[in-house]
């Protein structure tokens, strides 16, 4: 399946379950309104029930919209996409992406992108505390661990470029050599950077948002994929949202479909690419249990596109290990298969690579003496929405008045959604872009699409 073919497809109807989904099967709205007739009309229709869709609905209600005027459509069970399939990070980029962002968007926008991600961490921490969200949010620090001299040099250059442009580095700590190995517990670490970050149970966060808006009167319809959005005519400002269960007419349609955005918005097809990612959960051995539990999260990098991510849950100790999407140690067939929206099964080659690499990175995690129940627990896939300029599409769709988008998070949704979705809600309610506080390069516009049509740009992640 080619990237263009796979970029226009509905979510797979038979997905695998992630670790996060396996541990939240008791969510009472999991199959909400599965067999209830769809209403014929609603002022606001949000397509997608992940964190972006749920938070947009939450913010619209906070902004004065009557909850009863909001309908959320979901193709599968509640919050079944990337929001419930990620690796559990709430991890802002502190500086690494600056140089690459600058080449695409300029220094000013690159600074805004980095600063926005730092703000998102604060927003998630504030939101979960204010609303007492039971999503196991853990405010901690993260390590960028450089496993090769070449990548250590790349990071050092990015940091200097960031500082030279006026970026704040006061919250970043640097270690090298033996100190880096000691701080990170990774033998062979060439260097490491540490800064504030967090982790969470993303499915619980998604489900909290949905439960909150449903309790106020919003309606969620699961197993109701939207297949097309058509205008009623040149003299009408209404949109007919076609679904597998009928048509619902809306004044405003909000696309929170991430990697699947091009299904309903074909004009995005060349610029929005699905990318299948994979993660594994592991039950820790004694060296990583009890007092040995890892407090920080990790990005363990051999190069810009060859890396592993890691968190350890503070409650049950489960390790969640993510794998980069262009790992050169994988076969060409496995690398090519990432351009897909098929999240029905995991790839065993990726599992074996992840386990071997994890053992190399953390030799204390010995598989030779594992007891029954320790080690690999589960593997799953999720579909990431990648954009050709590496930033999301947020805002009004100029060619389709009354339609809006919040999608294309490039695998960094948890470092972006908590400013993007509130910003979008403000725009839907009539605010100007400057009121959102978002980087201008995030804005969805005809001018941006025209610029992107001039050629592909390098991916940041």
Protein backbone atom coordinates (compact mmCIF):
# COMPACT_ATOMS: atom_id res chain seq x y z
CA UNK A 1 0.00 0.00 0.00
CA UNK A 2 1.51 3.35 -0.97
CA UNK A 3 1.54 6.42 1.26
CA UNK A 4 -0.94 8.20 -0.98
CA UNK A 5 -3.33 5.27 -1.07
CA UNK A 6 -3.16 4.77 2.69
CA UNK A 7 -3.54 8.48 3.47
CA UNK A 8 -7.19 8.32 2.42
CA UNK A 9 -8.81 5.59 4.43
CA UNK A 10 -11.13 5.12 7.33
CA UNK A 11 -9.75 3.67 10.55
CA UNK A 12 -9.31 -0.09 10.40
CA UNK A 13 -12.51 -1.70 11.75
CA UNK A 14 -10.58 -4.49 13.53
CA UNK A 15 -7.68 -2.81 15.37
CA UNK A 16 -5.49 -4.44 17.96
CA UNK A 17 -5.73 -3.19 21.53
CA UNK A 18 -2.92 -1.20 23.12
CA UNK A 19 -1.71 -1.67 26.67
CA UNK A 20 -3.70 1.44 27.57
CA UNK A 21 -6.90 0.10 26.03
CA UNK A 22 -6.49 -3.31 27.65
CA UNK A 23 -6.44 -1.62 31.06
CA UNK A 24 -9.54 0.56 30.50
CA UNK A 25 -12.12 -1.90 29.22
CA UNK A 26 -14.51 -0.83 31.98
CA UNK A 27 -14.99 2.69 30.59
CA UNK A 28 -18.77 3.12 30.59
CA UNK A 29 -18.87 5.13 27.36
CA UNK A 30 -16.63 2.76 25.38
CA UNK A 31 -19.50 1.82 23.03
CA UNK A 32 -21.59 4.97 23.58
CA UNK A 33 -24.71 5.16 21.37
CA UNK A 34 -23.42 2.29 19.26
CA UNK A 35 -26.92 1.26 18.27
CA UNK A 36 -28.78 4.55 18.82
CA UNK A 37 -30.10 6.39 15.74
CA UNK A 38 -27.98 9.37 14.71
CA UNK A 39 -29.74 12.75 15.06
CA UNK A 40 -30.52 14.50 11.81
CA UNK A 41 -29.00 17.80 12.89
CA UNK A 42 -26.54 19.37 15.32
CA UNK A 43 -24.93 22.83 15.28
CA UNK A 44 -21.46 21.38 15.98
CA UNK A 45 -20.17 18.04 14.73
CA UNK A 46 -16.70 16.92 15.82
CA UNK A 47 -15.21 14.02 13.90
CA UNK A 48 -12.83 12.06 16.10
CA UNK A 49 -13.05 11.24 19.83
CA UNK A 50 -9.39 11.28 20.82
CA UNK A 51 -7.77 13.89 23.01
CA UNK A 52 -8.03 16.55 20.28
CA UNK A 53 -11.75 15.95 19.74
CA UNK A 54 -12.57 15.57 23.41
CA UNK A 55 -10.61 18.64 24.48
CA UNK A 56 -12.08 20.75 21.65
CA UNK A 57 -15.57 19.81 22.83
CA UNK A 58 -14.57 20.55 26.44
CA UNK A 59 -13.21 23.98 25.49
CA UNK A 60 -16.23 24.85 23.34
CA UNK A 61 -18.48 24.18 26.31
CA UNK A 62 -16.18 26.21 28.56
CA UNK A 63 -16.47 29.00 25.95
CA UNK A 64 -20.26 29.11 26.14
CA UNK A 65 -21.50 26.54 23.63
CA UNK A 66 -24.40 24.48 24.93
CA UNK A 67 -23.19 20.92 25.37
CA UNK A 68 -26.41 19.63 23.82
CA UNK A 69 -25.38 21.29 20.56
CA UNK A 70 -22.27 19.12 20.19
CA UNK A 71 -22.14 15.69 18.54
CA UNK A 72 -18.90 13.71 18.43
CA UNK A 73 -18.54 10.97 15.81
CA UNK A 74 -16.10 8.10 16.25
CA UNK A 75 -15.40 5.39 13.69
CA UNK A 76 -14.64 2.72 16.30
CA UNK A 77 -14.86 2.48 20.08
CA UNK A 78 -14.36 5.66 22.08
CA UNK A 79 -10.86 7.19 21.82
CA UNK A 80 -9.61 4.28 19.76
CA UNK A 81 -6.96 6.07 17.68
CA UNK A 82 -3.49 7.42 18.38
CA UNK A 83 -4.58 9.07 21.65
CA UNK A 84 -4.98 5.63 23.22
CA UNK A 85 -2.08 3.98 21.37
CA UNK A 86 0.89 6.25 22.02
CA UNK A 87 3.89 5.54 24.24
CA UNK A 88 2.63 7.53 27.24
CA UNK A 89 4.91 10.57 26.96
CA UNK A 90 4.05 14.20 27.68
CA UNK A 91 7.44 15.26 26.41
CA UNK A 92 8.18 18.72 25.02
CA UNK A 93 11.10 19.24 22.71
CA UNK A 94 13.53 21.50 24.60
CA UNK A 95 15.83 22.41 21.70
CA UNK A 96 16.66 19.42 19.47
CA UNK A 97 14.22 20.22 16.68
CA UNK A 98 15.10 23.90 16.52
CA UNK A 99 17.59 23.74 13.63
CA UNK A 100 15.31 21.58 11.50
CA UNK A 101 12.26 23.73 12.26
CA UNK A 102 14.28 26.83 11.44
CA UNK A 103 15.20 25.51 8.00
CA UNK A 104 11.51 25.03 7.21
CA UNK A 105 9.82 27.88 9.11
CA UNK A 106 12.56 30.35 10.13
CA UNK A 107 14.11 31.13 13.51
CA UNK A 108 11.15 33.06 14.90
CA UNK A 109 8.65 30.29 14.25
CA UNK A 110 11.09 27.61 15.40
CA UNK A 111 11.41 29.39 18.76
CA UNK A 112 7.63 29.61 19.02
CA UNK A 113 7.25 25.90 18.28
CA UNK A 114 9.71 24.94 21.03
CA UNK A 115 8.19 27.40 23.52
CA UNK A 116 4.69 26.17 22.74
CA UNK A 117 5.63 22.59 23.59
CA UNK A 118 7.04 23.72 26.93
CA UNK A 119 3.74 25.51 27.60
CA UNK A 120 1.78 22.35 26.79
CA UNK A 121 3.51 20.46 29.61
CA UNK A 122 2.41 23.20 32.02
CA UNK A 123 -1.14 23.08 30.64
CA UNK A 124 -1.43 19.30 31.02
CA UNK A 125 -0.09 19.48 34.57
CA UNK A 126 -2.52 22.28 35.45
CA UNK A 127 -5.51 20.60 33.80
CA UNK A 128 -5.02 17.20 35.41
CA UNK A 129 -4.56 18.78 38.83
CA UNK A 130 -7.49 21.20 38.51
CA UNK A 131 -9.93 18.53 37.37
CA UNK A 132 -8.44 15.70 39.42
CA UNK A 133 -8.00 13.59 36.29
CA UNK A 134 -7.18 9.99 37.16
CA UNK A 135 -4.77 9.52 34.25
CA UNK A 136 -1.64 8.71 36.28
CA UNK A 137 0.02 11.94 35.20
CA UNK A 138 3.59 12.01 36.46
CA UNK A 139 5.49 15.30 36.30
CA UNK A 140 9.16 14.41 36.14
CA UNK A 141 12.18 14.95 33.89
CA UNK A 142 13.27 13.37 30.63
CA UNK A 143 16.64 12.40 29.20
CA UNK A 144 17.76 12.81 25.61
CA UNK A 145 20.52 10.19 25.62
CA UNK A 146 23.09 10.45 22.81
CA UNK A 147 24.40 6.96 22.00
CA UNK A 148 26.87 8.00 19.29
CA UNK A 149 29.45 10.80 19.02
CA UNK A 150 27.79 11.90 15.78
CA UNK A 151 24.42 12.43 17.41
CA UNK A 152 26.04 14.10 20.43
CA UNK A 153 27.57 16.59 17.98
CA UNK A 154 24.19 17.12 16.30
CA UNK A 155 22.52 17.85 19.63
CA UNK A 156 25.29 20.23 20.67
CA UNK A 157 24.93 22.15 17.40
CA UNK A 158 21.14 22.33 17.81
CA UNK A 159 21.50 23.62 21.36
CA UNK A 160 23.94 26.33 20.27
CA UNK A 161 21.68 27.40 17.40
CA UNK A 162 18.73 27.55 19.80
CA UNK A 163 20.68 29.66 22.30
CA UNK A 164 22.02 31.94 19.57
CA UNK A 165 18.44 32.64 18.42
CA UNK A 166 17.44 33.63 21.95
CA UNK A 167 16.06 30.34 23.21
CA UNK A 168 15.81 29.79 26.98
CA UNK A 169 18.05 26.92 28.15
CA UNK A 170 17.86 27.58 31.89
CA UNK A 171 15.79 24.44 32.45
CA UNK A 172 18.18 22.13 30.54
CA UNK A 173 20.95 20.13 32.23
CA UNK A 174 23.86 18.56 30.36
CA UNK A 175 25.96 15.50 31.22
CA UNK A 176 28.71 13.76 29.30
CA UNK A 177 30.82 10.63 29.58
CA UNK A 178 30.76 8.85 32.92
CA UNK A 179 28.35 11.38 34.42
CA UNK A 180 25.88 10.77 31.58
CA UNK A 181 26.14 7.01 32.14
CA UNK A 182 25.57 7.40 35.88
CA UNK A 183 22.64 9.79 35.58
CA UNK A 184 20.82 7.77 32.91
CA UNK A 185 21.84 4.22 33.99
CA UNK A 186 22.83 3.64 30.34
CA UNK A 187 26.36 2.26 29.84
CA UNK A 188 27.86 3.70 26.70
CA UNK A 189 25.92 6.95 26.82
CA UNK A 190 28.11 9.58 25.13
CA UNK A 191 26.12 12.54 26.45
CA UNK A 192 22.69 13.32 27.86
CA UNK A 193 20.41 16.29 28.24
CA UNK A 194 17.72 16.51 30.92
CA UNK A 195 14.67 18.80 31.15
CA UNK A 196 11.12 18.78 32.61
CA UNK A 197 8.61 16.36 31.07
CA UNK A 198 5.84 14.00 32.09
CA UNK A 199 4.06 10.77 31.40
CA UNK A 200 0.44 9.69 31.62
CA UNK A 201 -2.11 6.98 30.88
CA UNK A 202 -3.36 8.54 27.62
CA UNK A 203 -6.51 6.44 27.31
CA UNK A 204 -7.62 7.53 30.79
CA UNK A 205 -7.04 11.17 29.82
CA UNK A 206 -9.02 10.74 26.61
CA UNK A 207 -11.81 9.00 28.44
CA UNK A 208 -11.97 11.66 31.15
CA UNK A 209 -12.54 14.34 28.51
CA UNK A 210 -15.29 12.33 26.83
CA UNK A 211 -17.00 11.50 30.12
CA UNK A 212 -16.86 15.17 31.15
CA UNK A 213 -18.54 16.49 28.00
CA UNK A 214 -21.08 13.67 27.91
CA UNK A 215 -22.03 14.43 31.51
CA UNK A 216 -22.76 18.01 30.44
CA UNK A 217 -24.99 16.91 27.55
CA UNK A 218 -22.77 16.34 24.51
CA UNK A 219 -23.50 13.22 22.48
CA UNK A 220 -20.89 10.68 21.41
CA UNK A 221 -21.70 8.15 18.68
CA UNK A 222 -19.19 5.32 18.49
CA UNK A 223 -18.89 2.93 15.52
CA UNK A 224 -20.19 5.73 13.32
CA UNK A 225 -17.47 6.56 10.77
CA UNK A 226 -17.88 9.78 8.79
CA UNK A 227 -17.40 8.98 5.11
CA UNK A 228 -17.99 12.33 3.40
CA UNK A 229 -18.85 15.96 4.11
CA UNK A 230 -20.90 17.74 1.45
CA UNK A 231 -22.37 21.23 1.31
CA UNK A 232 -26.11 21.66 0.89
CA UNK A 233 -25.70 24.15 -1.95
CA UNK A 234 -24.31 27.59 -2.84
CA UNK A 235 -26.97 29.42 -0.82
CA UNK A 236 -26.57 27.30 2.30
CA UNK A 237 -24.02 27.48 5.11
CA UNK A 238 -24.89 23.97 6.28
CA UNK A 239 -22.88 20.78 5.85
CA UNK A 240 -24.17 17.24 5.46
CA UNK A 241 -21.90 14.79 7.25
CA UNK A 242 -22.43 11.37 5.71
CA UNK A 243 -21.82 8.41 8.00
CA UNK A 244 -22.34 4.67 7.90
CA UNK A 245 -25.50 5.26 9.93
CA UNK A 246 -27.04 8.15 8.05
CA UNK A 247 -26.56 11.87 7.49
CA UNK A 248 -26.25 14.56 10.15
CA UNK A 249 -26.47 18.23 9.16
CA UNK A 250 -24.17 20.70 10.92
CA UNK A 251 -23.38 24.39 10.90
CA UNK A 252 -19.78 23.71 11.88
CA UNK A 253 -17.74 20.56 11.25
CA UNK A 254 -14.50 20.08 13.19
CA UNK A 255 -11.99 17.53 11.91
CA UNK A 256 -9.99 15.91 14.73
CA UNK A 257 -9.01 12.84 12.72
CA UNK A 258 -5.20 13.20 12.70
CA UNK A 259 -3.71 10.64 10.28
CA UNK A 260 -7.11 10.06 8.65
CA UNK A 261 -7.82 13.73 7.89
CA UNK A 262 -7.41 13.29 4.13
CA UNK A 263 -10.33 10.84 4.03
CA UNK A 264 -12.76 13.75 4.47
CA UNK A 265 -10.40 16.49 3.25
CA UNK A 266 -8.78 15.11 0.08
CA UNK A 267 -6.97 18.40 -0.56
CA UNK A 268 -4.68 17.41 2.34
CA UNK A 269 -3.73 14.09 0.78
CA UNK A 270 -0.28 15.12 -0.47
CA UNK A 271 0.61 16.80 2.83
CA UNK A 272 -0.78 14.43 5.48
CA UNK A 273 0.81 11.01 5.68
CA UNK A 274 -0.06 8.13 7.99
CA UNK A 275 2.83 6.40 9.67
CA UNK A 276 2.42 3.19 11.62
CA UNK A 277 4.31 3.21 14.91
CA UNK A 278 4.74 0.44 17.45
CA UNK A 279 5.25 0.15 21.19
CA UNK A 280 5.79 -2.67 23.67
CA UNK A 281 4.96 -3.03 27.35
CA UNK A 282 7.30 -4.96 29.63
CA UNK A 283 6.90 -6.23 33.17
CA UNK A 284 10.11 -5.24 34.98
CA UNK A 285 12.68 -7.58 36.49
CA UNK A 286 13.89 -6.83 40.07
CA UNK A 287 16.60 -4.38 38.91
CA UNK A 288 13.83 -2.10 37.59
CA UNK A 289 11.27 -2.76 40.34
CA UNK A 290 10.78 -1.33 43.80
CA UNK A 291 13.44 1.26 44.57
CA UNK A 292 15.01 0.59 41.16
CA UNK A 293 12.09 2.01 39.18
CA UNK A 294 13.03 4.64 36.59
CA UNK A 295 11.82 8.08 37.60
CA UNK A 296 12.58 9.90 34.34
CA UNK A 297 11.42 9.26 30.79
CA UNK A 298 13.82 8.67 27.92
CA UNK A 299 14.62 9.19 24.29
CA UNK A 300 17.62 6.98 23.51
CA UNK A 301 19.10 8.11 20.20
CA UNK A 302 21.65 6.71 17.81
CA UNK A 303 20.67 9.24 15.14
CA UNK A 304 17.83 11.64 14.39
CA UNK A 305 15.63 8.87 12.99
CA UNK A 306 17.02 5.85 14.89
CA UNK A 307 15.86 5.95 18.50
CA UNK A 308 13.88 4.28 21.26
CA UNK A 309 11.53 5.94 23.74
CA UNK A 310 10.91 4.73 27.26
CA UNK A 311 8.70 5.47 30.24
CA UNK A 312 8.10 3.49 33.40
CA UNK A 313 4.73 3.76 35.07
CA UNK A 314 5.06 4.73 38.71
CA UNK A 315 2.10 2.68 39.92
CA UNK A 316 2.51 -0.80 38.47
CA UNK A 317 6.07 -0.41 37.18
CA UNK A 318 5.19 -1.30 33.60
CA UNK A 319 7.82 -0.20 31.10
CA UNK A 320 6.56 1.16 27.77
CA UNK A 321 9.15 0.97 25.01
CA UNK A 322 8.63 2.76 21.71
CA UNK A 323 10.59 2.25 18.49
CA UNK A 324 11.50 4.83 15.84
CA UNK A 325 9.81 4.56 12.48
CA UNK A 326 12.94 4.50 10.29
CA UNK A 327 15.23 2.22 12.27
CA UNK A 328 18.12 1.12 10.01
CA UNK A 329 18.44 -2.17 11.91
CA UNK A 330 15.06 -3.25 10.51
CA UNK A 331 14.48 -4.90 7.16
CA UNK A 332 13.48 -2.73 4.18
CA UNK A 333 10.12 -4.51 4.10
CA UNK A 334 9.38 -3.60 7.72
CA UNK A 335 10.47 -0.01 7.21
CA UNK A 336 8.28 0.29 4.10
CA UNK A 337 5.28 -1.18 5.93
CA UNK A 338 5.11 1.81 8.26
CA UNK A 339 3.31 3.79 5.52
CA UNK A 340 -0.03 2.29 6.42
CA UNK A 341 -3.22 2.82 8.39
CA UNK A 342 -3.43 -0.85 9.36
CA UNK A 343 -3.31 -0.99 13.16
CA UNK A 344 -4.73 -4.49 13.40
CA UNK A 345 -1.49 -6.25 14.32
CA UNK A 346 2.06 -5.68 15.50
CA UNK A 347 5.31 -6.50 13.69
CA UNK A 348 7.35 -9.23 15.36
CA UNK A 349 10.64 -8.04 13.84
CA UNK A 350 10.15 -4.70 15.59
CA UNK A 351 9.43 -6.49 18.87
CA UNK A 352 12.64 -8.49 18.63
CA UNK A 353 14.67 -5.41 17.69
CA UNK A 354 13.17 -3.48 20.60
CA UNK A 355 13.93 -6.19 23.13
CA UNK A 356 17.49 -6.71 21.90
CA UNK A 357 18.19 -3.00 21.84
CA UNK A 358 16.66 -2.51 25.27
CA UNK A 359 18.91 -5.22 26.64
CA UNK A 360 21.92 -3.49 25.09
CA UNK A 361 20.93 -0.09 26.45
CA UNK A 362 20.10 -1.39 29.93
CA UNK A 363 22.29 -4.47 30.59
CA UNK A 364 20.91 -4.67 34.13
CA UNK A 365 17.65 -5.80 32.54
CA UNK A 366 18.71 -9.43 32.16
CA UNK A 367 16.35 -11.69 30.26
CA UNK A 368 18.30 -14.79 31.17
CA UNK A 369 16.87 -15.02 34.68
CA UNK A 370 13.33 -13.73 34.17
CA UNK A 371 10.58 -15.42 36.10
CA UNK A 372 7.26 -16.35 34.54
CA UNK A 373 5.31 -13.11 34.11
CA UNK A 374 8.35 -10.86 33.71
CA UNK A 375 9.55 -9.44 30.40
CA UNK A 376 7.49 -8.76 27.29
CA UNK A 377 3.83 -8.25 28.14
CA UNK A 378 2.21 -6.84 24.99
CA UNK A 379 2.90 -5.13 21.66
CA UNK A 380 0.64 -2.86 19.64
CA UNK A 381 0.53 -0.38 16.80
CA UNK A 382 -0.91 3.10 16.32
CA UNK A 383 -1.17 5.42 13.36
CA UNK A 384 0.65 8.76 13.53
CA UNK A 385 -0.36 11.71 11.34
CA UNK A 386 2.76 13.20 9.70
CA UNK A 387 2.70 16.48 7.77
CA UNK A 388 5.25 17.45 5.16
CA UNK A 389 6.27 20.58 7.10
CA UNK A 390 6.28 18.76 10.46
CA UNK A 391 3.69 20.92 12.22
CA UNK A 392 -0.06 20.40 12.68
CA UNK A 393 -2.93 21.90 10.73
CA UNK A 394 -5.06 24.03 13.05
CA UNK A 395 -7.88 26.43 12.26
CA UNK A 396 -10.52 27.24 9.69
CA UNK A 397 -10.42 25.51 6.31
CA UNK A 398 -10.61 28.58 4.10
CA UNK A 399 -12.04 26.83 1.05
CA UNK A 400 -14.81 25.25 3.16
CA UNK A 401 -16.41 27.94 5.36
CA UNK A 402 -17.74 26.38 8.54
CA UNK A 403 -15.22 23.54 8.59
CA UNK A 404 -12.20 23.45 10.91
CA UNK A 405 -9.26 21.17 11.58
CA UNK A 406 -6.97 20.16 14.43
CA UNK A 407 -4.80 17.31 13.13
CA UNK A 408 -1.36 16.23 11.95
CA UNK A 409 0.62 16.11 15.19
CA UNK A 410 3.67 14.28 13.80
CA UNK A 411 3.85 11.85 16.70
CA UNK A 412 3.99 14.74 19.15
CA UNK A 413 0.31 15.11 20.01
CA UNK A 414 0.77 15.08 23.76
CA UNK A 415 3.23 17.96 23.39
CA UNK A 416 0.85 19.98 21.20
CA UNK A 417 -2.85 19.20 21.65
CA UNK A 418 -3.34 21.04 24.93
CA UNK A 419 -2.69 24.36 23.21
CA UNK A 420 -3.93 23.44 19.72
CA UNK A 421 -7.41 22.26 20.75
CA UNK A 422 -8.14 25.24 23.04
CA UNK A 423 -6.82 27.52 20.29
CA UNK A 424 -9.11 25.90 17.74
CA UNK A 425 -12.11 26.28 20.05
CA UNK A 426 -11.41 30.01 20.25
CA UNK A 427 -11.31 30.24 16.46
CA UNK A 428 -14.59 28.36 16.11
CA UNK A 429 -16.13 30.86 18.53
CA UNK A 430 -14.95 33.82 16.45
CA UNK A 431 -11.54 34.75 17.82
CA UNK A 432 -8.57 35.78 15.70
CA UNK A 433 -5.44 33.69 15.24
CA UNK A 434 -3.44 35.99 17.52
CA UNK A 435 -5.86 35.11 20.33
CA UNK A 436 -4.79 31.47 20.18
CA UNK A 437 -1.16 32.11 21.11
CA UNK A 438 -0.14 29.37 18.67
CA UNK A 439 2.80 29.58 16.25
CA UNK A 440 1.63 31.08 12.97
CA UNK A 441 3.09 28.14 11.05
CA UNK A 442 0.41 25.88 12.59
CA UNK A 443 -2.38 27.78 10.88
CA UNK A 444 -4.33 25.98 8.19
CA UNK A 445 -4.56 28.19 5.11
CA UNK A 446 -4.65 28.13 1.33
CA UNK A 447 -1.32 29.96 1.31
CA UNK A 448 0.29 27.20 3.38
CA UNK A 449 -1.04 24.49 1.06
CA UNK A 450 0.23 26.42 -1.93
CA UNK A 451 3.66 26.69 -0.36
CA UNK A 452 3.72 22.98 0.47
CA UNK A 453 2.75 22.09 -3.08
CA UNK A 454 6.07 23.48 -4.26
CA UNK A 455 7.88 20.48 -2.88
CA UNK A 456 8.45 18.05 0.01
CA UNK A 457 10.20 19.30 3.11
CA UNK A 458 12.38 17.28 5.48
CA UNK A 459 10.67 15.62 8.45
CA UNK A 460 11.71 16.77 11.90
CA UNK A 461 11.01 13.48 13.65
